[in-house]
PDB file of N, CA and C in Angstrom:
ATOM      1  N   MET A   1       0.841  -1.109  -0.026  1.00  0.00           N
ATOM      2  CA  MET A   1       0.038  -0.144   0.234  1.00  0.00           C
ATOM      3  C   MET A   1       0.895   1.254  -0.105  1.00  0.00           C
ATOM      4  N   GLY A   2       1.788   1.502   0.766  1.00  0.00           N
ATOM      5  CA  GLY A   2       2.685   2.373   1.113  1.00  0.00           C
ATOM      6  C   GLY A   2       3.523   2.707  -0.215  1.00  0.00           C
ATOM      7  N   HIS A   3       4.193   1.600  -1.093  1.00  0.00           N
ATOM      8  CA  HIS A   3       4.863   2.154  -2.231  1.00  0.00           C
ATOM      9  C   HIS A   3       3.751   2.502  -3.119  1.00  0.00           C
ATOM     10  N   PHE A   4       2.328   1.971  -3.399  1.00  0.00           N
ATOM     11  CA  PHE A   4       1.622   2.605  -4.233  1.00  0.00           C
ATOM     12  C   PHE A   4       1.469   4.336  -3.772  1.00  0.00           C
ATOM     13  N   TYR A   5       1.350   4.250  -2.721  1.00  0.00           N
ATOM     14  CA  TYR A   5       0.950   5.791  -2.340  1.00  0.00           C
ATOM     15  C   TYR A   5       2.257   6.445  -2.484  1.00  0.00           C
ATOM     16  N   LEU A   6       3.425   6.130  -2.457  1.00  0.00           N
ATOM     17  CA  LEU A   6       4.170   6.973  -2.721  1.00  0.00           C
ATOM     18  C   LEU A   6       4.856   7.375  -4.145  1.00  0.00           C
ATOM     19  N   SER A   7       4.465   6.292  -4.978  1.00  0.00           N
ATOM     20  CA  SER A   7       4.660   6.529  -6.224  1.00  0.00           C
ATOM     21  C   SER A   7       3.440   6.901  -7.582  1.00  0.00           C
ATOM     22  N   GLU A   8       2.389   6.867  -6.943  1.00  0.00           N
ATOM     23  CA  GLU A   8       1.388   7.286  -7.651  1.00  0.00           C
ATOM     24  C   GLU A   8       0.546   8.383  -7.136  1.00  0.00           C
ATOM     25  N   LYS A   9       0.106   9.240  -8.088  1.00  0.00           N
ATOM     26  CA  LYS A   9      -0.604  10.348  -7.709  1.00  0.00           C
ATOM     27  C   LYS A   9      -2.277   9.725  -7.080  1.00  0.00           C
ATOM     28  N   ASP A  10      -2.715   8.651  -7.638  1.00  0.00           N
ATOM     29  CA  ASP A  10      -4.197   8.331  -7.609  1.00  0.00           C
ATOM     30  C   ASP A  10      -3.863   6.908  -6.939  1.00  0.00           C
ATOM     31  N   LEU A  11      -3.697   6.629  -5.471  1.00  0.00           N
ATOM     32  CA  LEU A  11      -3.501   5.497  -5.339  1.00  0.00           C
ATOM     33  C   LEU A  11      -4.646   4.345  -5.785  1.00  0.00           C
ATOM     34  N   TYR A  12      -5.851   4.439  -5.765  1.00  0.00           N
ATOM     35  CA  TYR A  12      -6.859   3.666  -6.346  1.00  0.00           C
ATOM     36  C   TYR A  12      -7.000   3.442  -7.568  1.00  0.00           C
ATOM     37  N   ALA A  13      -6.426   4.175  -8.497  1.00  0.00           N
ATOM     38  CA  ALA A  13      -6.436   4.047  -9.861  1.00  0.00           C
ATOM     39  C   ALA A  13      -4.812   3.242  -9.895  1.00  0.00           C
ATOM     40  N   ALA A  14      -4.153   3.437  -9.389  1.00  0.00           N
ATOM     41  CA  ALA A  14      -3.045   2.480  -9.302  1.00  0.00           C
ATOM     42  C   ALA A  14      -3.131   1.193  -9.228  1.00  0.00           C
ATOM     43  N   MET A  15      -4.210   0.812  -8.302  1.00  0.00           N
ATOM     44  CA  MET A  15      -4.617  -0.307  -7.559  1.00  0.00           C
ATOM     45  C   MET A  15      -5.174  -1.008  -8.876  1.00  0.00           C
ATOM     46  N   GLU A  16      -6.254  -0.245  -9.539  1.00  0.00           N
ATOM     47  CA  GLU A  16      -7.100  -0.799 -10.756  1.00  0.00           C
ATOM     48  C   GLU A  16      -6.286  -1.130 -11.654  1.00  0.00           C
ATOM     49  N   ARG A  17      -5.226  -0.201 -12.092  1.00  0.00           N
ATOM     50  CA  ARG A  17      -4.467  -0.555 -13.162  1.00  0.00           C
ATOM     51  C   ARG A  17      -3.460  -1.991 -12.934  1.00  0.00           C
ATOM     52  N   ALA A  18      -2.949  -2.026 -11.832  1.00  0.00           N
ATOM     53  CA  ALA A  18      -2.282  -3.558 -11.331  1.00  0.00           C
ATOM     54  C   ALA A  18      -3.180  -4.665 -10.714  1.00  0.00           C
ATOM     55  N   LYS A  19      -4.655  -4.422 -10.826  1.00  0.00           N
ATOM     56  CA  LYS A  19      -5.151  -5.518 -10.198  1.00  0.00           C
ATOM     57  C   LYS A  19      -4.775  -6.928 -10.789  1.00  0.00           C
ATOM     58  N   ASP A  20      -4.348  -7.228 -11.625  1.00  0.00           N
ATOM     59  CA  ASP A  20      -4.272  -8.401 -12.202  1.00  0.00           C
ATOM     60  C   ASP A  20      -2.805  -8.724 -11.891  1.00  0.00           C
ATOM     61  N   TYR A  21      -1.941  -8.328 -11.251  1.00  0.00           N
ATOM     62  CA  TYR A  21      -0.451  -8.748 -11.090  1.00  0.00           C
ATOM     63  C   TYR A  21      -0.154  -8.341  -9.491  1.00  0.00           C
ATOM     64  N   ILE A  22      -1.216  -8.223  -8.766  1.00  0.00           N
ATOM     65  CA  ILE A  22      -1.419  -8.101  -7.202  1.00  0.00           C
ATOM     66  C   ILE A  22      -1.240  -9.444  -6.683  1.00  0.00           C
ATOM     67  N   CYS A  23      -0.520  -9.860  -5.971  1.00  0.00           N
ATOM     68  CA  CYS A  23      -0.027 -11.262  -5.593  1.00  0.00           C
ATOM     69  C   CYS A  23       0.081 -11.321  -3.904  1.00  0.00           C
ATOM     70  N   TYR A  24       0.542 -10.013  -3.522  1.00  0.00           N
ATOM     71  CA  TYR A  24       0.984  -9.896  -2.359  1.00  0.00           C
ATOM     72  C   TYR A  24       0.679  -8.365  -1.778  1.00  0.00           C
ATOM     73  N   SER A  25       0.495  -8.447  -0.672  1.00  0.00           N
ATOM     74  CA  SER A  25       0.452  -6.894   0.138  1.00  0.00           C
ATOM     75  C   SER A  25       1.285  -6.908   1.374  1.00  0.00           C
ATOM     76  N   HIS A  26       1.613  -5.621   1.447  1.00  0.00           N
ATOM     77  CA  HIS A  26       2.413  -5.713   2.955  1.00  0.00           C
ATOM     78  C   HIS A  26       1.858  -4.438   3.828  1.00  0.00           C
ATOM     79  N   ILE A  27       1.232  -4.441   4.781  1.00  0.00           N
ATOM     80  CA  ILE A  27       0.464  -3.403   5.337  1.00  0.00           C
ATOM     81  C   ILE A  27       1.344  -2.503   6.256  1.00  0.00           C
ATOM     82  N   ASP A  28       1.580  -1.172   6.247  1.00  0.00           N
ATOM     83  CA  ASP A  28       2.389  -0.454   7.065  1.00  0.00           C
ATOM     84  C   ASP A  28       1.319   1.158   6.740  1.00  0.00           C
ATOM     85  N   ASN A  29       1.812   2.184   7.097  1.00  0.00           N
ATOM     86  CA  ASN A  29       1.402   3.553   6.896  1.00  0.00           C
ATOM     87  C   ASN A  29       2.501   4.240   6.466  1.00  0.00           C
ATOM     88  N   MET A  30       2.183   5.534   5.758  1.00  0.00           N
ATOM     89  CA  MET A  30       3.474   6.472   5.243  1.00  0.00           C
ATOM     90  C   MET A  30       2.834   7.944   5.123  1.00  0.00           C
ATOM     91  N   CYS A  31       3.712   8.619   5.022  1.00  0.00           N
ATOM     92  CA  CYS A  31       3.101  10.083   4.693  1.00  0.00           C
ATOM     93  C   CYS A  31       3.853  10.246   3.143  1.00  0.00           C
ATOM     94  N   MET A  32       2.920  11.345   2.725  1.00  0.00           N
ATOM     95  CA  MET A  32       3.059  11.693   1.293  1.00  0.00           C
ATOM     96  C   MET A  32       4.656  11.834   1.368  1.00  0.00           C
ATOM     97  N   GLY A  33       5.276  11.694   0.258  1.00  0.00           N
ATOM     98  CA  GLY A  33       6.691  12.187   0.047  1.00  0.00           C
ATOM     99  C   GLY A  33       7.950  11.196   1.330  1.00  0.00           C
ATOM    100  N   GLU A  34       7.286  10.402   1.926  1.00  0.00           N
ATOM    101  CA  GLU A  34       8.447  10.107   2.945  1.00  0.00           C
ATOM    102  C   GLU A  34       8.305   8.404   3.168  1.00  0.00           C
ATOM    103  N   HIS A  35       9.232   7.760   2.802  1.00  0.00           N
ATOM    104  CA  HIS A  35       9.601   6.632   2.744  1.00  0.00           C
ATOM    105  C   HIS A  35       9.733   5.811   3.843  1.00  0.00           C
ATOM    106  N   CYS A  36       8.641   5.559   5.037  1.00  0.00           N
ATOM    107  CA  CYS A  36       9.183   5.622   6.088  1.00  0.00           C
ATOM    108  C   CYS A  36       8.326   4.158   6.982  1.00  0.00           C
ATOM    109  N   HIS A  37       7.543   3.574   6.726  1.00  0.00           N
ATOM    110  CA  HIS A  37       6.926   2.614   7.139  1.00  0.00           C
ATOM    111  C   HIS A  37       6.348   2.678   8.557  1.00  0.00           C
ATOM    112  N   LYS A  38       5.390   3.604   8.612  1.00  0.00           N
ATOM    113  CA  LYS A  38       4.912   4.196  10.044  1.00  0.00           C
ATOM    114  C   LYS A  38       3.938   2.919  10.455  1.00  0.00           C
ATOM    115  N   LEU A  39       3.436   3.064  11.772  1.00  0.00           N
ATOM    116  CA  LEU A  39       2.507   2.334  12.583  1.00  0.00           C
ATOM    117  C   LEU A  39       1.145   2.468  11.600  1.00  0.00           C
ATOM    118  N   PRO A  40       0.295   1.431  11.458  1.00  0.00           N
ATOM    119  CA  PRO A  40      -0.876   1.426  10.955  1.00  0.00           C
ATOM    120  C   PRO A  40      -1.405   2.740  11.306  1.00  0.00           C
ATOM    121  N   TRP A  41      -1.580   3.258  12.470  1.00  0.00           N
ATOM    122  CA  TRP A  41      -2.532   4.326  12.738  1.00  0.00           C
ATOM    123  C   TRP A  41      -2.053   5.866  12.743  1.00  0.00           C
ATOM    124  N   GLU A  42      -0.676   5.743  12.090  1.00  0.00           N
ATOM    125  CA  GLU A  42      -0.032   6.810  11.926  1.00  0.00           C
ATOM    126  C   GLU A  42       0.238   6.895  10.236  1.00  0.00           C
ATOM    127  N   GLY A  43       0.455   8.143   9.768  1.00  0.00           N
ATOM    128  CA  GLY A  43       0.617   8.341   8.422  1.00  0.00           C
ATOM    129  C   GLY A  43      -0.671   8.903   7.637  1.00  0.00           C
ATOM    130  N   ASP A  44      -0.625   9.075   6.291  1.00  0.00           N
ATOM    131  CA  ASP A  44      -1.937   9.734   5.665  1.00  0.00           C
ATOM    132  C   ASP A  44      -2.616   8.714   5.017  1.00  0.00           C
ATOM    133  N   ILE A  45      -2.327   7.473   4.862  1.00  0.00           N
ATOM    134  CA  ILE A  45      -3.397   6.275   4.033  1.00  0.00           C
ATOM    135  C   ILE A  45      -4.312   6.224   4.627  1.00  0.00           C
ATOM    136  N   ASP A  46      -5.553   5.872   3.987  1.00  0.00           N
ATOM    137  CA  ASP A  46      -6.857   5.827   4.816  1.00  0.00           C
ATOM    138  C   ASP A  46      -6.752   4.199   4.255  1.00  0.00           C
ATOM    139  N   LEU A  47      -6.302   3.449   5.452  1.00  0.00           N
ATOM    140  CA  LEU A  47      -6.001   2.210   5.218  1.00  0.00           C
ATOM    141  C   LEU A  47      -7.613   1.151   5.246  1.00  0.00           C
ATOM    142  N   PRO A  48      -8.413   1.456   6.045  1.00  0.00           N
ATOM    143  CA  PRO A  48      -9.700   0.731   5.665  1.00  0.00           C
ATOM    144  C   PRO A  48     -10.393   0.880   4.334  1.00  0.00           C
ATOM    145  N   ALA A  49     -10.315   2.315   3.627  1.00  0.00           N
ATOM    146  CA  ALA A  49     -10.571   2.456   1.969  1.00  0.00           C
ATOM    147  C   ALA A  49      -9.405   1.559   1.106  1.00  0.00           C
ATOM    148  N   ALA A  50      -8.311   1.748   1.577  1.00  0.00           N
ATOM    149  CA  ALA A  50      -7.303   1.086   0.499  1.00  0.00           C
ATOM    150  C   ALA A  50      -7.482  -0.239   0.530  1.00  0.00           C
ATOM    151  N   TYR A  51      -7.749  -0.891   1.698  1.00  0.00           N
ATOM    152  CA  TYR A  51      -7.915  -2.677   1.399  1.00  0.00           C
ATOM    153  C   TYR A  51      -9.284  -2.895   1.047  1.00  0.00           C
ATOM    154  N   ARG A  52     -10.261  -1.926   1.043  1.00  0.00           N
ATOM    155  CA  ARG A  52     -11.739  -1.800   0.674  1.00  0.00           C
ATOM    156  C   ARG A  52     -11.866  -2.369  -0.768  1.00  0.00           C
ATOM    157  N   LYS A  53     -10.937  -1.055  -1.442  1.00  0.00           N
ATOM    158  CA  LYS A  53     -10.529  -1.387  -2.637  1.00  0.00           C
ATOM    159  C   LYS A  53     -10.078  -2.772  -3.280  1.00  0.00           C
ATOM    160  N   LEU A  54      -8.813  -2.689  -2.549  1.00  0.00           N
ATOM    161  CA  LEU A  54      -8.408  -4.245  -2.939  1.00  0.00           C
ATOM    162  C   LEU A  54      -9.405  -5.232  -2.869  1.00  0.00           C
ATOM    163  N   LYS A  55      -9.919  -5.346  -1.893  1.00  0.00           N
ATOM    164  CA  LYS A  55     -11.304  -6.678  -1.661  1.00  0.00           C
ATOM    165  C   LYS A  55     -12.301  -6.142  -3.124  1.00  0.00           C
ATOM    166  N   SER A  56     -12.717  -5.196  -3.388  1.00  0.00           N
ATOM    167  CA  SER A  56     -13.535  -5.072  -4.117  1.00  0.00           C
ATOM    168  C   SER A  56     -12.899  -5.437  -5.972  1.00  0.00           C
ATOM    169  N   LEU A  57     -11.371  -5.230  -5.879  1.00  0.00           N
ATOM    170  CA  LEU A  57     -10.961  -5.938  -6.839  1.00  0.00           C
ATOM    171  C   LEU A  57     -10.634  -7.254  -7.103  1.00  0.00           C
ATOM    172  N   GLY A  58     -10.931  -7.940  -6.141  1.00  0.00           N
ATOM    173  CA  GLY A  58     -11.161  -9.432  -6.180  1.00  0.00           C
ATOM    174  C   GLY A  58      -9.803  -9.831  -5.037  1.00  0.00           C
ATOM    175  N   TYR A  59      -9.056  -9.084  -4.664  1.00  0.00           N
ATOM    176  CA  TYR A  59      -7.512  -9.526  -4.005  1.00  0.00           C
ATOM    177  C   TYR A  59      -8.303 -10.230  -2.691  1.00  0.00           C
ATOM    178  N   ASP A  60      -7.805 -11.314  -2.201  1.00  0.00           N
ATOM    179  CA  ASP A  60      -7.828 -12.229  -1.118  1.00  0.00           C
ATOM    180  C   ASP A  60      -6.369 -12.914  -0.702  1.00  0.00           C
ATOM    181  N   GLY A  61      -5.403 -12.340  -1.178  1.00  0.00           N
ATOM    182  CA  GLY A  61      -4.189 -13.215  -1.108  1.00  0.00           C
ATOM    183  C   GLY A  61      -3.527 -12.426   0.437  1.00  0.00           C
ATOM    184  N   PRO A  62      -2.389 -12.816   0.615  1.00  0.00           N
ATOM    185  CA  PRO A  62      -1.351 -12.555   2.040  1.00  0.00           C
ATOM    186  C   PRO A  62      -1.583 -11.122   2.046  1.00  0.00           C
ATOM    187  N   VAL A  63      -1.670 -10.889   3.373  1.00  0.00           N
ATOM    188  CA  VAL A  63      -1.064  -9.271   3.859  1.00  0.00           C
ATOM    189  C   VAL A  63      -0.131  -9.717   5.265  1.00  0.00           C
ATOM    190  N   SER A  64       0.777  -8.769   5.160  1.00  0.00           N
ATOM    191  CA  SER A  64       1.894  -9.206   6.118  1.00  0.00           C
ATOM    192  C   SER A  64       2.359  -7.623   6.779  1.00  0.00           C
ATOM    193  N   LEU A  65       2.689  -7.568   8.119  1.00  0.00           N
ATOM    194  CA  LEU A  65       2.846  -6.386   8.739  1.00  0.00           C
ATOM    195  C   LEU A  65       4.492  -5.849   8.174  1.00  0.00           C
ATOM    196  N   ASP A  66       4.481  -4.876   7.838  1.00  0.00           N
ATOM    197  CA  ASP A  66       5.892  -4.271   7.197  1.00  0.00           C
ATOM    198  C   ASP A  66       6.181  -3.077   8.038  1.00  0.00           C
ATOM    199  N   ILE A  67       6.797  -3.331   9.197  1.00  0.00           N
ATOM    200  CA  ILE A  67       7.191  -1.798   9.897  1.00  0.00           C
ATOM    201  C   ILE A  67       8.769  -2.029  10.103  1.00  0.00           C
ATOM    202  N   TYR A  68       9.382  -2.132   9.307  1.00  0.00           N
ATOM    203  CA  TYR A  68      10.758  -2.607   9.738  1.00  0.00           C
ATOM    204  C   TYR A  68      11.578  -1.437  10.510  1.00  0.00           C
ATOM    205  N   ILE A  69      11.350  -0.348  10.520  1.00  0.00           N
ATOM    206  CA  ILE A  69      11.751   0.639  11.161  1.00  0.00           C
ATOM    207  C   ILE A  69      11.458   0.597  12.847  1.00  0.00           C
ATOM    208  N   GLN A  70      10.527  -0.286  13.471  1.00  0.00           N
ATOM    209  CA  GLN A  70       9.897  -0.400  14.679  1.00  0.00           C
ATOM    210  C   GLN A  70      10.438  -1.648  15.126  1.00  0.00           C
ATOM    211  N   ASP A  71      10.193  -1.985  16.722  1.00  0.00           N
ATOM    212  CA  ASP A  71      10.524  -3.124  17.269  1.00  0.00           C
ATOM    213  C   ASP A  71       9.694  -4.115  16.871  1.00  0.00           C
ATOM    214  N   TYR A  72       9.587  -4.767  16.012  1.00  0.00           N
ATOM    215  CA  TYR A  72       8.412  -5.748  15.778  1.00  0.00           C
ATOM    216  C   TYR A  72       7.814  -6.646  17.329  1.00  0.00           C
ATOM    217  N   ALA A  73       8.417  -7.004  17.903  1.00  0.00           N
ATOM    218  CA  ALA A  73       8.095  -7.524  19.267  1.00  0.00           C
ATOM    219  C   ALA A  73       7.480  -6.635  20.112  1.00  0.00           C
ATOM    220  N   ALA A  74       7.769  -5.501  19.841  1.00  0.00           N
ATOM    221  CA  ALA A  74       7.187  -4.357  21.042  1.00  0.00           C
ATOM    222  C   ALA A  74       5.720  -4.083  20.274  1.00  0.00           C
ATOM    223  N   VAL A  75       5.764  -3.823  19.018  1.00  0.00           N
ATOM    224  CA  VAL A  75       4.455  -3.216  18.607  1.00  0.00           C
ATOM    225  C   VAL A  75       3.657  -4.055  18.072  1.00  0.00           C
ATOM    226  N   ALA A  76       3.892  -5.126  17.309  1.00  0.00           N
ATOM    227  CA  ALA A  76       3.392  -6.372  16.675  1.00  0.00           C
ATOM    228  C   ALA A  76       1.739  -6.860  17.283  1.00  0.00           C
ATOM    229  N   PRO A  77       2.082  -6.673  18.402  1.00  0.00           N
ATOM    230  CA  PRO A  77       0.656  -7.325  19.032  1.00  0.00           C
ATOM    231  C   PRO A  77      -0.617  -6.099  19.025  1.00  0.00           C
ATOM    232  N   GLN A  78      -0.101  -4.752  19.280  1.00  0.00           N
ATOM    233  CA  GLN A  78      -0.821  -3.816  19.375  1.00  0.00           C
ATOM    234  C   GLN A  78      -1.298  -3.500  17.731  1.00  0.00           C
ATOM    235  N   CYS A  79      -0.490  -3.678  16.910  1.00  0.00           N
ATOM    236  CA  CYS A  79      -0.708  -3.361  15.286  1.00  0.00           C
ATOM    237  C   CYS A  79      -1.741  -4.401  14.757  1.00  0.00           C
ATOM    238  N   LEU A  80      -1.572  -5.658  15.276  1.00  0.00           N
ATOM    239  CA  LEU A  80      -2.312  -6.883  14.556  1.00  0.00           C
ATOM    240  C   LEU A  80      -3.871  -6.587  15.294  1.00  0.00           C
ATOM    241  N   SER A  81      -3.931  -5.894  16.416  1.00  0.00           N
ATOM    242  CA  SER A  81      -5.230  -5.636  16.964  1.00  0.00           C
ATOM    243  C   SER A  81      -5.892  -4.616  16.420  1.00  0.00           C
ATOM    244  N   TYR A  82      -5.074  -3.756  16.009  1.00  0.00           N
ATOM    245  CA  TYR A  82      -5.448  -2.440  15.560  1.00  0.00           C
ATOM    246  C   TYR A  82      -5.978  -2.833  13.792  1.00  0.00           C
ATOM    247  N   ILE A  83      -5.263  -3.648  13.192  1.00  0.00           N
ATOM    248  CA  ILE A  83      -5.680  -3.932  12.060  1.00  0.00           C
ATOM    249  C   ILE A  83      -6.727  -4.656  11.901  1.00  0.00           C
ATOM    250  N   ASN A  84      -6.709  -5.736  12.474  1.00  0.00           N
ATOM    251  CA  ASN A  84      -8.064  -6.578  12.515  1.00  0.00           C
ATOM    252  C   ASN A  84      -8.989  -5.796  13.118  1.00  0.00           C
ATOM    253  N   GLU A  85      -9.170  -5.031  13.813  1.00  0.00           N
ATOM    254  CA  GLU A  85     -10.355  -4.185  14.349  1.00  0.00           C
ATOM    255  C   GLU A  85     -10.946  -2.799  13.542  1.00  0.00           C
ATOM    256  N   ASN A  86      -9.685  -1.749  13.296  1.00  0.00           N
ATOM    257  CA  ASN A  86      -9.908  -1.044  12.327  1.00  0.00           C
ATOM    258  C   ASN A  86      -9.554  -0.530  10.973  1.00  0.00           C
ATOM    259  N   VAL A  87      -9.207  -1.958  10.527  1.00  0.00           N
ATOM    260  CA  VAL A  87      -8.760  -1.984   9.081  1.00  0.00           C
ATOM    261  C   VAL A  87      -9.781  -3.336   8.654  1.00  0.00           C
ATOM    262  N   PHE A  88      -9.153  -4.549   8.635  1.00  0.00           N
ATOM    263  CA  PHE A  88     -10.190  -5.701   8.415  1.00  0.00           C
ATOM    264  C   PHE A  88     -11.388  -5.716   8.885  1.00  0.00           C
ATOM    265  N   GLY A  89     -11.614  -5.123   9.872  1.00  0.00           N
ATOM    266  CA  GLY A  89     -12.767  -5.068  10.945  1.00  0.00           C
ATOM    267  C   GLY A  89     -14.149  -4.263   9.984  1.00  0.00           C
ATOM    268  N   LEU A  90     -13.553  -3.280   9.282  1.00  0.00           N
ATOM    269  CA  LEU A  90     -14.495  -2.326   8.818  1.00  0.00           C
ATOM    270  C   LEU A  90     -14.697  -2.866   7.238  1.00  0.00           C
ATOM    271  N   LEU A  91     -14.037  -3.658   6.574  1.00  0.00           N
ATOM    272  CA  LEU A  91     -14.531  -4.180   5.314  1.00  0.00           C
ATOM    273  C   LEU A  91     -15.792  -4.855   5.262  1.00  0.00           C
TER     274      LEU A  91
END
């Protein structure tokens, strides 16, 4: 999600164009113009809307947490809870 967001003017149009090629997704958040892999509740990406779009395109593949600048062991439980409730729970 973050790489689409950084490289494309329109995140949703980019997903539409790439829909036949998307086979994997990593979830993080980012701020425009900054490659930073933020925690899911930080950053500018509307993650529920982005994953709603992916779902509407027929994507049902794997999603992994990609927050490499964080201490995974310390933040993963909170991130997974947040993602399940506030991203996938809203689809």
